[in-house]
Amino acid sequence: MANRMARWRSVRNGRLTKLWKDEQGLGTLEIILIVAVIIIIALLFKDWIVELVNNLMGQADNQANEIFN
């Protein structure tokens, strides 16, 4: 048990701290978080988005039919 705690402390104080303080990967982290939020929003409003796209495509189809007839 003591060995696990010592190993965890070394990981926490070493690699994790360096990773947290390292700013080179910050842009990547921000992009990942933004993509995750967009995916969550898309899943929450999936039905509304699908209905909106279907309505827009239907309107475009109707206008194309009017033009070509």
PDB file of N, CA and C in Angstrom:
ATOM      1  N   MET A   1       0.826  -1.198   0.000  1.00  0.00           N
ATOM      2  CA  MET A   1       0.000   0.000   0.000  1.00  0.00           C
ATOM      3  C   MET A   1       0.869   1.262   0.000  1.00  0.00           C
ATOM      4  N   ALA A   2       1.911   1.262   0.802  1.00  0.00           N
ATOM      5  CA  ALA A   2       2.800   2.419   0.867  1.00  0.00           C
ATOM      6  C   ALA A   2       3.506   2.624  -0.469  1.00  0.00           C
ATOM      7  N   ASN A   3       3.816   1.505  -1.144  1.00  0.00           N
ATOM      8  CA  ASN A   3       4.476   1.594  -2.445  1.00  0.00           C
ATOM      9  C   ASN A   3       3.558   2.267  -3.470  1.00  0.00           C
ATOM     10  N   ARG A   4       2.267   1.929  -3.412  1.00  0.00           N
ATOM     11  CA  ARG A   4       1.310   2.545  -4.345  1.00  0.00           C
ATOM     12  C   ARG A   4       1.188   4.040  -4.091  1.00  0.00           C
ATOM     13  N   MET A   5       1.137   4.417  -2.831  1.00  0.00           N
ATOM     14  CA  MET A   5       1.012   5.835  -2.488  1.00  0.00           C
ATOM     15  C   MET A   5       2.255   6.609  -2.934  1.00  0.00           C
ATOM     16  N   ALA A   6       3.427   6.010  -2.739  1.00  0.00           N
ATOM     17  CA  ALA A   6       4.664   6.669  -3.161  1.00  0.00           C
ATOM     18  C   ALA A   6       4.696   6.810  -4.673  1.00  0.00           C
ATOM     19  N   ARG A   7       4.244   5.782  -5.376  1.00  0.00           N
ATOM     20  CA  ARG A   7       4.209   5.837  -6.838  1.00  0.00           C
ATOM     21  C   ARG A   7       3.227   6.908  -7.306  1.00  0.00           C
ATOM     22  N   TRP A   8       2.060   6.972  -6.663  1.00  0.00           N
ATOM     23  CA  TRP A   8       1.068   7.981  -7.029  1.00  0.00           C
ATOM     24  C   TRP A   8       1.609   9.383  -6.785  1.00  0.00           C
ATOM     25  N   ARG A   9       2.273   9.593  -5.646  1.00  0.00           N
ATOM     26  CA  ARG A   9       2.841  10.907  -5.351  1.00  0.00           C
ATOM     27  C   ARG A   9       3.877  11.308  -6.389  1.00  0.00           C
ATOM     28  N   SER A  10       4.693  10.356  -6.808  1.00  0.00           N
ATOM     29  CA  SER A  10       5.721  10.687  -7.804  1.00  0.00           C
ATOM     30  C   SER A  10       5.075  11.031  -9.143  1.00  0.00           C
ATOM     31  N   VAL A  11       4.012  10.318  -9.505  1.00  0.00           N
ATOM     32  CA  VAL A  11       3.304  10.624 -10.756  1.00  0.00           C
ATOM     33  C   VAL A  11       2.622  11.974 -10.632  1.00  0.00           C
ATOM     34  N   ARG A  12       1.957  12.185  -9.512  1.00  0.00           N
ATOM     35  CA  ARG A  12       1.221  13.435  -9.309  1.00  0.00           C
ATOM     36  C   ARG A  12       2.168  14.635  -9.273  1.00  0.00           C
ATOM     37  N   ASN A  13       3.257  14.504  -8.593  1.00  0.00           N
ATOM     38  CA  ASN A  13       4.188  15.622  -8.455  1.00  0.00           C
ATOM     39  C   ASN A  13       5.081  15.782  -9.677  1.00  0.00           C
ATOM     40  N   GLY A  14       5.255  14.745 -10.435  1.00  0.00           N
ATOM     41  CA  GLY A  14       6.173  14.794 -11.572  1.00  0.00           C
ATOM     42  C   GLY A  14       5.469  15.034 -12.883  1.00  0.00           C
ATOM     43  N   ARG A  15       4.997  13.969 -13.462  1.00  0.00           N
ATOM     44  CA  ARG A  15       4.461  14.028 -14.828  1.00  0.00           C
ATOM     45  C   ARG A  15       3.186  14.846 -14.930  1.00  0.00           C
ATOM     46  N   LEU A  16       2.264  14.655 -13.993  1.00  0.00           N
ATOM     47  CA  LEU A  16       1.003  15.385 -14.088  1.00  0.00           C
ATOM     48  C   LEU A  16       1.206  16.879 -13.911  1.00  0.00           C
ATOM     49  N   THR A  17       2.087  17.258 -13.007  1.00  0.00           N
ATOM     50  CA  THR A  17       2.359  18.674 -12.803  1.00  0.00           C
ATOM     51  C   THR A  17       3.008  19.277 -14.044  1.00  0.00           C
ATOM     52  N   LYS A  18       3.945  18.557 -14.639  1.00  0.00           N
ATOM     53  CA  LYS A  18       4.586  19.049 -15.859  1.00  0.00           C
ATOM     54  C   LYS A  18       3.565  19.173 -16.987  1.00  0.00           C
ATOM     55  N   LEU A  19       2.680  18.179 -17.090  1.00  0.00           N
ATOM     56  CA  LEU A  19       1.656  18.218 -18.138  1.00  0.00           C
ATOM     57  C   LEU A  19       0.724  19.400 -17.936  1.00  0.00           C
ATOM     58  N   TRP A  20       0.341  19.656 -16.691  1.00  0.00           N
ATOM     59  CA  TRP A  20      -0.589  20.746 -16.398  1.00  0.00           C
ATOM     60  C   TRP A  20       0.058  22.095 -16.678  1.00  0.00           C
ATOM     61  N   LYS A  21       1.349  22.235 -16.333  1.00  0.00           N
ATOM     62  CA  LYS A  21       2.028  23.511 -16.499  1.00  0.00           C
ATOM     63  C   LYS A  21       2.538  23.729 -17.918  1.00  0.00           C
ATOM     64  N   ASP A  22       2.668  22.674 -18.683  1.00  0.00           N
ATOM     65  CA  ASP A  22       3.162  22.793 -20.048  1.00  0.00           C
ATOM     66  C   ASP A  22       2.100  23.450 -20.909  1.00  0.00           C
ATOM     67  N   GLU A  23       2.445  24.551 -21.556  1.00  0.00           N
ATOM     68  CA  GLU A  23       1.463  25.298 -22.336  1.00  0.00           C
ATOM     69  C   GLU A  23       1.459  24.918 -23.809  1.00  0.00           C
ATOM     70  N   GLN A  24       2.349  24.051 -24.228  1.00  0.00           N
ATOM     71  CA  GLN A  24       2.380  23.666 -25.636  1.00  0.00           C
ATOM     72  C   GLN A  24       1.139  22.872 -26.017  1.00  0.00           C
ATOM     73  N   GLY A  25       0.637  22.047 -25.132  1.00  0.00           N
ATOM     74  CA  GLY A  25      -0.540  21.246 -25.431  1.00  0.00           C
ATOM     75  C   GLY A  25      -1.840  21.944 -25.119  1.00  0.00           C
ATOM     76  N   LEU A  26      -1.770  23.190 -24.687  1.00  0.00           N
ATOM     77  CA  LEU A  26      -2.968  23.903 -24.289  1.00  0.00           C
ATOM     78  C   LEU A  26      -3.920  24.105 -25.459  1.00  0.00           C
ATOM     79  N   GLY A  27      -3.408  24.407 -26.622  1.00  0.00           N
ATOM     80  CA  GLY A  27      -4.273  24.580 -27.783  1.00  0.00           C
ATOM     81  C   GLY A  27      -5.022  23.305 -28.129  1.00  0.00           C
ATOM     82  N   THR A  28      -4.338  22.184 -28.031  1.00  0.00           N
ATOM     83  CA  THR A  28      -4.963  20.900 -28.306  1.00  0.00           C
ATOM     84  C   THR A  28      -6.070  20.620 -27.305  1.00  0.00           C
ATOM     85  N   LEU A  29      -5.799  20.885 -26.036  1.00  0.00           N
ATOM     86  CA  LEU A  29      -6.803  20.662 -24.999  1.00  0.00           C
ATOM     87  C   LEU A  29      -8.022  21.531 -25.232  1.00  0.00           C
ATOM     88  N   GLU A  30      -7.803  22.775 -25.586  1.00  0.00           N
ATOM     89  CA  GLU A  30      -8.929  23.668 -25.852  1.00  0.00           C
ATOM     90  C   GLU A  30      -9.766  23.173 -27.030  1.00  0.00           C
ATOM     91  N   ILE A  31      -9.105  22.710 -28.066  1.00  0.00           N
ATOM     92  CA  ILE A  31      -9.831  22.207 -29.238  1.00  0.00           C
ATOM     93  C   ILE A  31     -10.645  20.973 -28.870  1.00  0.00           C
ATOM     94  N   ILE A  32     -10.058  20.077 -28.083  1.00  0.00           N
ATOM     95  CA  ILE A  32     -10.766  18.867 -27.658  1.00  0.00           C
ATOM     96  C   ILE A  32     -11.990  19.233 -26.831  1.00  0.00           C
ATOM     97  N   LEU A  33     -11.850  20.195 -25.927  1.00  0.00           N
ATOM     98  CA  LEU A  33     -12.994  20.607 -25.106  1.00  0.00           C
ATOM     99  C   LEU A  33     -14.078  21.265 -25.950  1.00  0.00           C
ATOM    100  N   ILE A  34     -13.693  22.082 -26.912  1.00  0.00           N
ATOM    101  CA  ILE A  34     -14.680  22.726 -27.781  1.00  0.00           C
ATOM    102  C   ILE A  34     -15.420  21.688 -28.611  1.00  0.00           C
ATOM    103  N   VAL A  35     -14.695  20.730 -29.168  1.00  0.00           N
ATOM    104  CA  VAL A  35     -15.332  19.666 -29.956  1.00  0.00           C
ATOM    105  C   VAL A  35     -16.278  18.860 -29.082  1.00  0.00           C
ATOM    106  N   ALA A  36     -15.873  18.562 -27.847  1.00  0.00           N
ATOM    107  CA  ALA A  36     -16.732  17.805 -26.938  1.00  0.00           C
ATOM    108  C   ALA A  36     -18.023  18.566 -26.649  1.00  0.00           C
ATOM    109  N   VAL A  37     -17.925  19.862 -26.425  1.00  0.00           N
ATOM    110  CA  VAL A  37     -19.123  20.669 -26.158  1.00  0.00           C
ATOM    111  C   VAL A  37     -20.027  20.702 -27.385  1.00  0.00           C
ATOM    112  N   ILE A  38     -19.448  20.842 -28.572  1.00  0.00           N
ATOM    113  CA  ILE A  38     -20.252  20.856 -29.798  1.00  0.00           C
ATOM    114  C   ILE A  38     -20.972  19.522 -29.986  1.00  0.00           C
ATOM    115  N   ILE A  39     -20.283  18.420 -29.709  1.00  0.00           N
ATOM    116  CA  ILE A  39     -20.910  17.094 -29.843  1.00  0.00           C
ATOM    117  C   ILE A  39     -22.049  16.947 -28.853  1.00  0.00           C
ATOM    118  N   ILE A  40     -21.850  17.396 -27.622  1.00  0.00           N
ATOM    119  CA  ILE A  40     -22.913  17.292 -26.607  1.00  0.00           C
ATOM    120  C   ILE A  40     -24.121  18.124 -27.019  1.00  0.00           C
ATOM    121  N   ILE A  41     -23.882  19.339 -27.497  1.00  0.00           N
ATOM    122  CA  ILE A  41     -24.989  20.194 -27.934  1.00  0.00           C
ATOM    123  C   ILE A  41     -25.713  19.562 -29.117  1.00  0.00           C
ATOM    124  N   ALA A  42     -24.947  19.001 -30.058  1.00  0.00           N
ATOM    125  CA  ALA A  42     -25.564  18.356 -31.218  1.00  0.00           C
ATOM    126  C   ALA A  42     -26.419  17.174 -30.794  1.00  0.00           C
ATOM    127  N   LEU A  43     -25.956  16.409 -29.806  1.00  0.00           N
ATOM    128  CA  LEU A  43     -26.742  15.263 -29.335  1.00  0.00           C
ATOM    129  C   LEU A  43     -28.006  15.720 -28.613  1.00  0.00           C
ATOM    130  N   LEU A  44     -27.905  16.804 -27.865  1.00  0.00           N
ATOM    131  CA  LEU A  44     -29.078  17.301 -27.149  1.00  0.00           C
ATOM    132  C   LEU A  44     -30.150  17.834 -28.102  1.00  0.00           C
ATOM    133  N   PHE A  45     -29.722  18.490 -29.184  1.00  0.00           N
ATOM    134  CA  PHE A  45     -30.665  19.102 -30.114  1.00  0.00           C
ATOM    135  C   PHE A  45     -30.753  18.339 -31.432  1.00  0.00           C
ATOM    136  N   LYS A  46     -30.445  17.050 -31.406  1.00  0.00           N
ATOM    137  CA  LYS A  46     -30.390  16.244 -32.620  1.00  0.00           C
ATOM    138  C   LYS A  46     -31.709  16.273 -33.384  1.00  0.00           C
ATOM    139  N   ASP A  47     -32.808  16.046 -32.707  1.00  0.00           N
ATOM    140  CA  ASP A  47     -34.110  15.997 -33.385  1.00  0.00           C
ATOM    141  C   ASP A  47     -34.438  17.344 -34.031  1.00  0.00           C
ATOM    142  N   TRP A  48     -34.175  18.434 -33.317  1.00  0.00           N
ATOM    143  CA  TRP A  48     -34.452  19.760 -33.853  1.00  0.00           C
ATOM    144  C   TRP A  48     -33.576  20.044 -35.060  1.00  0.00           C
ATOM    145  N   ILE A  49     -32.306  19.660 -35.003  1.00  0.00           N
ATOM    146  CA  ILE A  49     -31.380  19.893 -36.111  1.00  0.00           C
ATOM    147  C   ILE A  49     -31.799  19.094 -37.343  1.00  0.00           C
ATOM    148  N   VAL A  50     -32.191  17.835 -37.139  1.00  0.00           N
ATOM    149  CA  VAL A  50     -32.618  16.990 -38.255  1.00  0.00           C
ATOM    150  C   VAL A  50     -33.878  17.566 -38.899  1.00  0.00           C
ATOM    151  N   GLU A  51     -34.819  18.026 -38.085  1.00  0.00           N
ATOM    152  CA  GLU A  51     -36.049  18.619 -38.614  1.00  0.00           C
ATOM    153  C   GLU A  51     -35.742  19.894 -39.400  1.00  0.00           C
ATOM    154  N   LEU A  52     -34.847  20.724 -38.887  1.00  0.00           N
ATOM    155  CA  LEU A  52     -34.463  21.954 -39.568  1.00  0.00           C
ATOM    156  C   LEU A  52     -33.823  21.656 -40.919  1.00  0.00           C
ATOM    157  N   VAL A  53     -32.904  20.701 -40.954  1.00  0.00           N
ATOM    158  CA  VAL A  53     -32.239  20.347 -42.217  1.00  0.00           C
ATOM    159  C   VAL A  53     -33.240  19.775 -43.213  1.00  0.00           C
ATOM    160  N   ASN A  54     -34.150  18.939 -42.745  1.00  0.00           N
ATOM    161  CA  ASN A  54     -35.161  18.381 -43.645  1.00  0.00           C
ATOM    162  C   ASN A  54     -36.059  19.478 -44.217  1.00  0.00           C
ATOM    163  N   ASN A  55     -36.440  20.436 -43.393  1.00  0.00           N
ATOM    164  CA  ASN A  55     -37.258  21.551 -43.885  1.00  0.00           C
ATOM    165  C   ASN A  55     -36.498  22.375 -44.922  1.00  0.00           C
ATOM    166  N   LEU A  56     -35.231  22.663 -44.634  1.00  0.00           N
ATOM    167  CA  LEU A  56     -34.430  23.447 -45.582  1.00  0.00           C
ATOM    168  C   LEU A  56     -34.233  22.701 -46.893  1.00  0.00           C
ATOM    169  N   MET A  57     -33.987  21.418 -46.817  1.00  0.00           N
ATOM    170  CA  MET A  57     -33.803  20.626 -48.036  1.00  0.00           C
ATOM    171  C   MET A  57     -35.110  20.534 -48.817  1.00  0.00           C
ATOM    172  N   GLY A  58     -36.226  20.441 -48.109  1.00  0.00           N
ATOM    173  CA  GLY A  58     -37.525  20.407 -48.779  1.00  0.00           C
ATOM    174  C   GLY A  58     -37.797  21.709 -49.507  1.00  0.00           C
ATOM    175  N   GLN A  59     -37.467  22.838 -48.868  1.00  0.00           N
ATOM    176  CA  GLN A  59     -37.656  24.139 -49.506  1.00  0.00           C
ATOM    177  C   GLN A  59     -36.747  24.277 -50.723  1.00  0.00           C
ATOM    178  N   ALA A  60     -35.521  23.834 -50.607  1.00  0.00           N
ATOM    179  CA  ALA A  60     -34.598  23.909 -51.744  1.00  0.00           C
ATOM    180  C   ALA A  60     -35.099  23.042 -52.892  1.00  0.00           C
ATOM    181  N   ASP A  61     -35.641  21.867 -52.560  1.00  0.00           N
ATOM    182  CA  ASP A  61     -36.182  20.971 -53.598  1.00  0.00           C
ATOM    183  C   ASP A  61     -37.373  21.623 -54.290  1.00  0.00           C
ATOM    184  N   ASN A  62     -38.256  22.251 -53.510  1.00  0.00           N
ATOM    185  CA  ASN A  62     -39.423  22.905 -54.103  1.00  0.00           C
ATOM    186  C   ASN A  62     -39.004  24.063 -55.019  1.00  0.00           C
ATOM    187  N   GLN A  63     -38.030  24.832 -54.587  1.00  0.00           N
ATOM    188  CA  GLN A  63     -37.578  25.959 -55.413  1.00  0.00           C
ATOM    189  C   GLN A  63     -36.879  25.462 -56.679  1.00  0.00           C
ATOM    190  N   ALA A  64     -36.125  24.379 -56.565  1.00  0.00           N
ATOM    191  CA  ALA A  64     -35.479  23.815 -57.754  1.00  0.00           C
ATOM    192  C   ALA A  64     -36.519  23.311 -58.740  1.00  0.00           C
ATOM    193  N   ASN A  65     -37.581  22.681 -58.239  1.00  0.00           N
ATOM    194  CA  ASN A  65     -38.660  22.205 -59.115  1.00  0.00           C
ATOM    195  C   ASN A  65     -39.335  23.369 -59.818  1.00  0.00           C
ATOM    196  N   GLU A  66     -39.545  24.496 -59.114  1.00  0.00           N
ATOM    197  CA  GLU A  66     -40.167  25.667 -59.743  1.00  0.00           C
ATOM    198  C   GLU A  66     -39.278  26.246 -60.832  1.00  0.00           C
ATOM    199  N   ILE A  67     -37.983  26.238 -60.599  1.00  0.00           N
ATOM    200  CA  ILE A  67     -37.060  26.803 -61.580  1.00  0.00           C
ATOM    201  C   ILE A  67     -37.020  25.948 -62.843  1.00  0.00           C
ATOM    202  N   PHE A  68     -36.972  24.644 -62.679  1.00  0.00           N
ATOM    203  CA  PHE A  68     -36.792  23.758 -63.836  1.00  0.00           C
ATOM    204  C   PHE A  68     -38.104  23.373 -64.522  1.00  0.00           C
ATOM    205  N   ASN A  69     -39.233  23.763 -63.966  1.00  0.00           N
ATOM    206  CA  ASN A  69     -40.519  23.448 -64.625  1.00  0.00           C
ATOM    207  C   ASN A  69     -41.022  24.570 -65.434  1.00  0.00           C
TER     208      ASN A  69
END
